[in-house]
Amino acid sequence: MGESTVTTDYAFQIAPEIERRLGRYRASVRQAIRARLGVIAARAGKVRGRATGIARKEPPLRFNAEEGYRIAYQLDPETRRVIVLDIDLTQDR
């Protein structure tokens, strides 16, 4: 019998000051960022065997969203969260 896939629920967490900044962005940008974070959280929750994750001391992961926004985040396996560290406008717009 093969390895079973265990699904653990991950959620994403956005700090209040980043949430306020996010509130100033256009609705399409906010929706794109939240959708991508949802996908990342869903993928992080699917692990094989023991849960592994990125340690807090590791460099942040990043993705680009609509209109040139770059989102930095980390995975925290202890709290099962995708933590948004920063959202900024990339220089190459």
Protein backbone atom coordinates (compact mmCIF):
# COMPACT_ATOMS: atom_id res chain seq x y z
CA MET A 1 0.00 0.00 0.00
CA GLY A 2 1.37 3.49 -0.89
CA GLU A 3 1.97 6.47 1.35
CA SER A 4 -1.20 8.17 2.41
CA THR A 5 -1.62 11.90 2.12
CA VAL A 6 -2.66 13.62 5.33
CA THR A 7 -4.43 16.93 5.02
CA THR A 8 -3.91 19.44 7.80
CA ASP A 9 -5.77 22.70 7.69
CA TYR A 10 -3.64 25.77 7.07
CA ALA A 11 -4.99 29.30 7.03
CA PHE A 12 -3.39 32.56 6.10
CA GLN A 13 -2.69 35.34 8.55
CA ILE A 14 -2.26 39.02 7.69
CA ALA A 15 -1.02 41.45 10.32
CA PRO A 16 -3.37 44.39 11.06
CA GLU A 17 -1.00 47.02 9.60
CA ILE A 18 -0.64 45.01 6.38
CA GLU A 19 -4.41 44.46 6.31
CA ARG A 20 -4.91 48.25 6.44
CA ARG A 21 -2.52 48.73 3.52
CA LEU A 22 -4.28 45.95 1.63
CA GLY A 23 -7.59 47.77 2.16
CA ARG A 24 -6.32 50.69 0.07
CA TYR A 25 -5.67 48.49 -2.99
CA ARG A 26 -8.20 47.93 -5.75
CA ALA A 27 -10.70 45.13 -5.21
CA SER A 28 -9.21 43.03 -8.04
CA VAL A 29 -5.74 43.21 -6.43
CA ARG A 30 -7.10 42.27 -2.99
CA GLN A 31 -9.02 39.38 -4.49
CA ALA A 32 -5.98 38.10 -6.43
CA ILE A 33 -3.78 38.24 -3.33
CA ARG A 34 -6.32 36.45 -1.13
CA ALA A 35 -6.96 33.80 -3.80
CA ARG A 36 -3.25 33.05 -4.15
CA LEU A 37 -2.83 32.88 -0.36
CA GLY A 38 -5.75 30.43 -0.26
CA VAL A 39 -4.03 28.19 -2.81
CA ILE A 40 -0.75 28.36 -0.87
CA ALA A 41 -2.55 27.47 2.38
CA ALA A 42 -4.34 24.53 0.71
CA ARG A 43 -1.07 23.19 -0.71
CA ALA A 44 0.74 23.66 2.60
CA GLY A 45 -1.91 21.55 4.29
CA LYS A 46 -1.23 18.56 2.08
CA VAL A 47 1.80 16.71 3.42
CA ARG A 48 3.06 13.16 3.30
CA GLY A 49 3.93 11.51 6.56
CA ARG A 50 5.18 13.88 9.23
CA ALA A 51 4.40 17.54 8.83
CA THR A 52 7.41 19.47 7.66
CA GLY A 53 7.66 23.14 7.04
CA ILE A 54 9.84 26.12 6.62
CA ALA A 55 11.51 27.30 9.78
CA ARG A 56 10.98 30.89 10.81
CA LYS A 57 14.71 31.57 10.32
CA GLU A 58 14.48 30.70 6.63
CA PRO A 59 14.23 33.55 4.11
CA PRO A 60 10.65 34.51 3.21
CA LEU A 61 8.91 33.06 0.20
CA ARG A 62 7.44 35.45 -2.36
CA PHE A 63 4.88 35.67 -5.13
CA ASN A 64 3.79 38.44 -7.46
CA ALA A 65 0.16 39.50 -7.73
CA GLU A 66 -1.73 41.74 -10.11
CA GLU A 67 -0.44 45.20 -10.96
CA GLY A 68 3.12 44.55 -9.75
CA TYR A 69 2.60 43.77 -6.08
CA ARG A 70 5.05 41.38 -4.41
CA ILE A 71 3.91 39.45 -1.35
CA ALA A 72 6.44 37.99 1.09
CA TYR A 73 5.25 35.17 3.35
CA GLN A 74 6.41 32.27 5.50
CA LEU A 75 4.88 28.94 6.45
CA ASP A 76 4.58 28.22 10.15
CA PRO A 77 3.96 24.48 10.66
CA GLU A 78 3.44 24.90 14.41
CA THR A 79 0.43 27.20 14.05
CA ARG A 80 -0.47 25.92 10.56
CA ARG A 81 -0.45 29.42 9.13
CA VAL A 82 0.73 31.11 5.98
CA ILE A 83 1.96 34.37 7.49
CA VAL A 84 2.07 37.45 5.25
CA LEU A 85 5.21 39.39 6.12
CA ASP A 86 4.99 42.26 3.65
CA ILE A 87 3.26 43.53 0.54
CA ASP A 88 5.05 46.02 -1.65
CA LEU A 89 5.06 47.39 -5.17
CA THR A 90 7.83 45.92 -7.31
CA GLN A 91 10.25 48.29 -8.98
CA ASP A 92 9.88 46.80 -12.47
CA ARG A 93 6.36 48.05 -13.21
